[in-house]
C-alpha atoms as a PDB file:
ATOM      1  CA  MET A   1       7.196 -29.119 -16.610  1.00  0.00           C
ATOM      2  CA  LYS A   2       6.164 -27.334 -13.424  1.00  0.00           C
ATOM      3  CA  ALA A   3       2.692 -25.802 -13.308  1.00  0.00           C
ATOM      4  CA  ASN A   4       2.425 -22.189 -12.247  1.00  0.00           C
ATOM      5  CA  TYR A   5      -0.350 -22.527  -9.646  1.00  0.00           C
ATOM      6  CA  PRO A   6      -1.309 -19.715  -7.282  1.00  0.00           C
ATOM      7  CA  ARG A   7       0.052 -20.172  -3.760  1.00  0.00           C
ATOM      8  CA  TYR A   8      -2.008 -19.909  -0.614  1.00  0.00           C
ATOM      9  CA  THR A   9      -0.849 -20.106   2.995  1.00  0.00           C
ATOM     10  CA  LEU A  10      -3.139 -22.241   5.159  1.00  0.00           C
ATOM     11  CA  ARG A  11      -3.159 -21.909   8.941  1.00  0.00           C
ATOM     12  CA  ILE A  12      -4.680 -24.920  10.717  1.00  0.00           C
ATOM     13  CA  SER A  13      -4.512 -26.496  14.152  1.00  0.00           C
ATOM     14  CA  GLU A  14      -1.764 -28.977  14.930  1.00  0.00           C
ATOM     15  CA  ASN A  15      -4.416 -31.662  15.450  1.00  0.00           C
ATOM     16  CA  LEU A  16      -5.885 -31.131  11.979  1.00  0.00           C
ATOM     17  CA  HIS A  17      -2.382 -31.011  10.488  1.00  0.00           C
ATOM     18  CA  GLU A  18      -1.530 -34.380  12.047  1.00  0.00           C
ATOM     19  CA  LYS A  19      -4.754 -35.912  10.726  1.00  0.00           C
ATOM     20  CA  ILE A  20      -4.060 -34.639   7.220  1.00  0.00           C
ATOM     21  CA  ARG A  21      -0.536 -36.033   7.413  1.00  0.00           C
ATOM     22  CA  TYR A  22      -1.973 -39.387   8.523  1.00  0.00           C
ATOM     23  CA  THR A  23      -4.557 -39.590   5.719  1.00  0.00           C
ATOM     24  CA  ALA A  24      -2.021 -38.441   3.125  1.00  0.00           C
ATOM     25  CA  ASN A  25       0.416 -41.166   4.193  1.00  0.00           C
ATOM     26  CA  TYR A  26      -2.386 -43.733   4.216  1.00  0.00           C
ATOM     27  CA  ASN A  27      -3.392 -42.756   0.672  1.00  0.00           C
ATOM     28  CA  GLY A  28       0.193 -42.500  -0.587  1.00  0.00           C
ATOM     29  CA  ARG A  29      -0.065 -38.782  -1.370  1.00  0.00           C
ATOM     30  CA  SER A  30       1.593 -35.567  -0.300  1.00  0.00           C
ATOM     31  CA  LYS A  31      -0.219 -33.417   2.264  1.00  0.00           C
ATOM     32  CA  ASN A  32      -0.726 -30.794  -0.429  1.00  0.00           C
ATOM     33  CA  LYS A  33      -2.404 -33.295  -2.780  1.00  0.00           C
ATOM     34  CA  GLU A  34      -4.522 -34.659   0.080  1.00  0.00           C
ATOM     35  CA  ILE A  35      -5.788 -31.146   0.857  1.00  0.00           C
ATOM     36  CA  GLU A  36      -6.407 -30.463  -2.852  1.00  0.00           C
ATOM     37  CA  ILE A  37      -8.517 -33.620  -3.182  1.00  0.00           C
ATOM     38  CA  ALA A  38     -10.495 -32.747  -0.032  1.00  0.00           C
ATOM     39  CA  ILE A  39     -11.222 -29.270  -1.432  1.00  0.00           C
ATOM     40  CA  ARG A  40     -12.272 -30.729  -4.800  1.00  0.00           C
ATOM     41  CA  ARG A  41     -14.708 -33.096  -3.065  1.00  0.00           C
ATOM     42  CA  TYR A  42     -16.105 -30.251  -0.970  1.00  0.00           C
ATOM     43  CA  LEU A  43     -16.639 -28.097  -4.083  1.00  0.00           C
ATOM     44  CA  GLN A  44     -18.264 -30.955  -5.990  1.00  0.00           C
ATOM     45  CA  ASP A  45     -20.719 -31.458  -3.116  1.00  0.00           C
ATOM     46  CA  PHE A  46     -21.386 -27.716  -2.917  1.00  0.00           C
ATOM     47  CA  GLU A  47     -22.035 -27.456  -6.659  1.00  0.00           C
ATOM     48  CA  ARG A  48     -24.284 -30.508  -6.578  1.00  0.00           C
ATOM     49  CA  LEU A  49     -26.488 -28.706  -4.043  1.00  0.00           C
ATOM     50  CA  HIS A  50     -26.217 -25.106  -5.271  1.00  0.00           C
ATOM     51  CA  GLY A  51     -25.259 -25.254  -8.945  1.00  0.00           C
ATOM     52  CA  GLU A  52     -22.003 -24.754 -10.789  1.00  0.00           C
ATOM     53  CA  ILE A  53     -19.708 -21.959  -9.670  1.00  0.00           C
ATOM     54  CA  GLU A  54     -18.553 -19.907 -12.628  1.00  0.00           C
ATOM     55  CA  THR A  55     -14.947 -18.721 -12.590  1.00  0.00           C
ATOM     56  CA  LYS A  56     -12.642 -16.705 -14.845  1.00  0.00           C
ATOM     57  CA  SER A  57     -10.402 -19.740 -15.255  1.00  0.00           C
ATOM     58  CA  ASP A  58     -11.288 -22.092 -18.086  1.00  0.00           C
ATOM     59  CA  THR A  59      -9.708 -25.175 -16.499  1.00  0.00           C
ATOM     60  CA  ASP A  60     -11.766 -27.790 -14.686  1.00  0.00           C
ATOM     61  CA  PHE A  61     -10.712 -29.128 -11.347  1.00  0.00           C
END
């Protein structure tokens, strides 16, 4: 079953794109999943420093 996630277009430099492709291949993931994991880690660090961010969504990341 396919999840109905919101879509977001990301514009990044070619250099950053190549590095994401490299790390995704290294970790055996898609570029999309690699970016998702990087964002999750960023948000976890942010919340550790500043407290939990409340959202309308009831699902955890």
